[in-house]
Amino acid sequence: MIADILGYLALGLGIFAMANKHMLWLRIAHGLSAAFYVGYGLMISATPIVVAGVLFLIIHGYHLTRMFLDRKAVQ
């Protein structure tokens, strides 16, 4: 039951991320979605979902860090 809720929450955040026009919010929402997918994948023992979620977290974390560092350098 909890795994299903976590999966649907991850799906909803992923859809929200793709519907958003601003790159910052897309990265944040999809990063949260990926974190929920990791939890969901662990709960249902689905290694491919966990691996994909971790990869997405790494990619979004890298890009968010670059966005904040670039923004800080401009100021």
N, C-alpha and C. Protein backbone atom coordinates (compact mmCIF):
# COMPACT_ATOMS: atom_id res chain seq x y z
N MET A 1 0.82 -1.20 0.00
CA MET A 1 0.00 0.00 0.00
C MET A 1 0.87 1.26 0.00
N ILE A 2 1.85 1.33 0.90
CA ILE A 2 2.72 2.50 0.98
C ILE A 2 3.57 2.61 -0.28
N ALA A 3 4.01 1.46 -0.80
CA ALA A 3 4.81 1.46 -2.03
C ALA A 3 4.00 2.03 -3.19
N ASP A 4 2.71 1.68 -3.27
CA ASP A 4 1.86 2.21 -4.34
C ASP A 4 1.73 3.72 -4.23
N ILE A 5 1.52 4.22 -3.04
CA ILE A 5 1.40 5.66 -2.81
C ILE A 5 2.68 6.36 -3.22
N LEU A 6 3.82 5.80 -2.83
CA LEU A 6 5.12 6.37 -3.18
C LEU A 6 5.32 6.38 -4.70
N GLY A 7 4.91 5.30 -5.36
CA GLY A 7 5.01 5.23 -6.82
C GLY A 7 4.15 6.28 -7.50
N TYR A 8 2.92 6.44 -7.05
CA TYR A 8 2.04 7.45 -7.64
C TYR A 8 2.52 8.87 -7.35
N LEU A 9 3.09 9.08 -6.17
CA LEU A 9 3.65 10.39 -5.84
C LEU A 9 4.84 10.71 -6.76
N ALA A 10 5.68 9.71 -7.00
CA ALA A 10 6.81 9.88 -7.91
C ALA A 10 6.31 10.19 -9.32
N LEU A 11 5.29 9.49 -9.76
CA LEU A 11 4.71 9.72 -11.08
C LEU A 11 4.14 11.13 -11.18
N GLY A 12 3.41 11.56 -10.17
CA GLY A 12 2.82 12.90 -10.18
C GLY A 12 3.87 14.00 -10.22
N LEU A 13 4.93 13.84 -9.46
CA LEU A 13 6.01 14.83 -9.49
C LEU A 13 6.72 14.84 -10.83
N GLY A 14 6.89 13.68 -11.44
CA GLY A 14 7.50 13.61 -12.76
C GLY A 14 6.66 14.31 -13.80
N ILE A 15 5.35 14.13 -13.75
CA ILE A 15 4.44 14.82 -14.68
C ILE A 15 4.48 16.32 -14.44
N PHE A 16 4.47 16.74 -13.17
CA PHE A 16 4.56 18.16 -12.85
C PHE A 16 5.85 18.75 -13.41
N ALA A 17 6.95 18.02 -13.27
CA ALA A 17 8.25 18.50 -13.76
C ALA A 17 8.21 18.72 -15.27
N MET A 18 7.64 17.79 -15.99
CA MET A 18 7.60 17.90 -17.45
C MET A 18 6.64 19.00 -17.91
N ALA A 19 5.66 19.33 -17.10
CA ALA A 19 4.70 20.37 -17.46
C ALA A 19 5.20 21.77 -17.14
N ASN A 20 6.29 21.85 -16.37
CA ASN A 20 6.82 23.13 -15.94
C ASN A 20 7.75 23.71 -16.99
N LYS A 21 7.68 25.01 -17.20
CA LYS A 21 8.48 25.68 -18.23
C LYS A 21 9.84 26.13 -17.71
N HIS A 22 9.99 26.28 -16.42
CA HIS A 22 11.23 26.80 -15.86
C HIS A 22 12.18 25.66 -15.51
N MET A 23 13.40 25.74 -16.01
CA MET A 23 14.37 24.66 -15.84
C MET A 23 14.68 24.38 -14.37
N LEU A 24 14.73 25.41 -13.54
CA LEU A 24 15.02 25.20 -12.12
C LEU A 24 13.97 24.31 -11.48
N TRP A 25 12.69 24.63 -11.70
CA TRP A 25 11.62 23.85 -11.10
C TRP A 25 11.52 22.46 -11.72
N LEU A 26 11.86 22.35 -13.00
CA LEU A 26 11.88 21.04 -13.64
C LEU A 26 12.91 20.16 -12.95
N ARG A 27 14.10 20.69 -12.74
CA ARG A 27 15.18 19.92 -12.10
C ARG A 27 14.82 19.55 -10.66
N ILE A 28 14.25 20.49 -9.91
CA ILE A 28 13.90 20.21 -8.52
C ILE A 28 12.79 19.17 -8.44
N ALA A 29 11.72 19.37 -9.21
CA ALA A 29 10.58 18.44 -9.16
C ALA A 29 10.98 17.05 -9.66
N HIS A 30 11.76 17.00 -10.73
CA HIS A 30 12.15 15.68 -11.23
C HIS A 30 13.17 15.02 -10.30
N GLY A 31 13.99 15.81 -9.63
CA GLY A 31 14.90 15.25 -8.63
C GLY A 31 14.13 14.63 -7.47
N LEU A 32 13.09 15.32 -7.00
CA LEU A 32 12.24 14.76 -5.95
C LEU A 32 11.53 13.50 -6.44
N SER A 33 11.06 13.55 -7.67
CA SER A 33 10.43 12.39 -8.28
C SER A 33 11.39 11.21 -8.31
N ALA A 34 12.63 11.46 -8.70
CA ALA A 34 13.63 10.39 -8.76
C ALA A 34 13.90 9.82 -7.37
N ALA A 35 13.92 10.68 -6.36
CA ALA A 35 14.13 10.21 -4.99
C ALA A 35 12.99 9.29 -4.55
N PHE A 36 11.76 9.66 -4.90
CA PHE A 36 10.62 8.81 -4.57
C PHE A 36 10.66 7.50 -5.36
N TYR A 37 11.12 7.56 -6.60
CA TYR A 37 11.26 6.33 -7.40
C TYR A 37 12.30 5.40 -6.78
N VAL A 38 13.37 5.96 -6.23
CA VAL A 38 14.37 5.12 -5.56
C VAL A 38 13.71 4.39 -4.38
N GLY A 39 12.97 5.15 -3.57
CA GLY A 39 12.27 4.52 -2.45
C GLY A 39 11.27 3.47 -2.90
N TYR A 40 10.52 3.79 -3.94
CA TYR A 40 9.54 2.85 -4.50
C TYR A 40 10.24 1.61 -5.02
N GLY A 41 11.33 1.80 -5.76
CA GLY A 41 12.06 0.66 -6.30
C GLY A 41 12.63 -0.23 -5.20
N LEU A 42 13.10 0.38 -4.12
CA LEU A 42 13.60 -0.41 -3.00
C LEU A 42 12.48 -1.20 -2.33
N MET A 43 11.31 -0.59 -2.21
CA MET A 43 10.18 -1.27 -1.56
C MET A 43 9.68 -2.46 -2.36
N ILE A 44 9.73 -2.37 -3.69
CA ILE A 44 9.22 -3.48 -4.50
C ILE A 44 10.36 -4.33 -5.07
N SER A 45 11.58 -4.08 -4.62
CA SER A 45 12.77 -4.83 -5.06
C SER A 45 12.95 -4.80 -6.57
N ALA A 46 12.87 -3.60 -7.14
CA ALA A 46 13.04 -3.42 -8.59
C ALA A 46 14.34 -2.66 -8.83
N THR A 47 15.40 -3.38 -9.03
CA THR A 47 16.73 -2.79 -9.19
C THR A 47 16.80 -1.78 -10.34
N PRO A 48 16.19 -2.05 -11.52
CA PRO A 48 16.27 -1.05 -12.60
C PRO A 48 15.67 0.31 -12.23
N ILE A 49 14.61 0.30 -11.45
CA ILE A 49 13.99 1.56 -11.03
C ILE A 49 14.93 2.29 -10.06
N VAL A 50 15.56 1.56 -9.17
CA VAL A 50 16.50 2.16 -8.22
C VAL A 50 17.69 2.76 -8.96
N VAL A 51 18.25 2.00 -9.89
CA VAL A 51 19.42 2.47 -10.65
C VAL A 51 19.06 3.72 -11.46
N ALA A 52 17.92 3.70 -12.14
CA ALA A 52 17.49 4.87 -12.92
C ALA A 52 17.28 6.07 -12.01
N GLY A 53 16.64 5.88 -10.87
CA GLY A 53 16.42 6.98 -9.93
C GLY A 53 17.71 7.58 -9.43
N VAL A 54 18.67 6.74 -9.10
CA VAL A 54 19.96 7.24 -8.61
C VAL A 54 20.67 8.02 -9.72
N LEU A 55 20.63 7.51 -10.94
CA LEU A 55 21.26 8.22 -12.06
C LEU A 55 20.60 9.58 -12.29
N PHE A 56 19.28 9.62 -12.24
CA PHE A 56 18.57 10.90 -12.39
C PHE A 56 18.95 11.86 -11.27
N LEU A 57 19.05 11.36 -10.03
CA LEU A 57 19.45 12.21 -8.92
C LEU A 57 20.84 12.80 -9.12
N ILE A 58 21.76 11.99 -9.60
CA ILE A 58 23.12 12.48 -9.85
C ILE A 58 23.11 13.55 -10.94
N ILE A 59 22.40 13.30 -12.02
CA ILE A 59 22.34 14.25 -13.14
C ILE A 59 21.70 15.56 -12.70
N HIS A 60 20.55 15.48 -12.04
CA HIS A 60 19.87 16.70 -11.61
C HIS A 60 20.67 17.44 -10.54
N GLY A 61 21.30 16.71 -9.65
CA GLY A 61 22.14 17.34 -8.63
C GLY A 61 23.29 18.10 -9.26
N TYR A 62 23.92 17.50 -10.25
CA TYR A 62 25.02 18.16 -10.95
C TYR A 62 24.53 19.45 -11.62
N HIS A 63 23.43 19.36 -12.35
CA HIS A 63 22.93 20.54 -13.07
C HIS A 63 22.42 21.62 -12.12
N LEU A 64 21.79 21.23 -11.03
CA LEU A 64 21.34 22.22 -10.04
C LEU A 64 22.53 22.93 -9.40
N THR A 65 23.58 22.17 -9.09
CA THR A 65 24.78 22.78 -8.54
C THR A 65 25.37 23.78 -9.51
N ARG A 66 25.46 23.40 -10.78
CA ARG A 66 25.99 24.32 -11.79
C ARG A 66 25.12 25.55 -11.94
N MET A 67 23.79 25.37 -11.90
CA MET A 67 22.89 26.52 -12.02
C MET A 67 23.10 27.50 -10.87
N PHE A 68 23.22 26.99 -9.64
CA PHE A 68 23.40 27.86 -8.49
C PHE A 68 24.77 28.52 -8.49
N LEU A 69 25.80 27.78 -8.89
CA LEU A 69 27.14 28.37 -8.97
C LEU A 69 27.22 29.43 -10.06
N ASP A 70 26.59 29.18 -11.20
CA ASP A 70 26.57 30.18 -12.27
C ASP A 70 25.81 31.42 -11.84
N ARG A 71 24.72 31.22 -11.14
CA ARG A 71 23.91 32.36 -10.66
C ARG A 71 24.69 33.17 -9.64
N LYS A 72 25.44 32.47 -8.78
CA LYS A 72 26.25 33.14 -7.76
C LYS A 72 27.39 33.93 -8.40
N ALA A 73 27.98 33.39 -9.47
CA ALA A 73 29.09 34.07 -10.16
C ALA A 73 28.62 35.33 -10.85
N VAL A 74 27.38 35.36 -11.34
CA VAL A 74 26.85 36.55 -12.02
C VAL A 74 26.61 37.67 -11.02
N GLN A 75 26.20 37.31 -9.82
CA GLN A 75 25.91 38.32 -8.80
C GLN A 75 27.21 38.87 -8.31
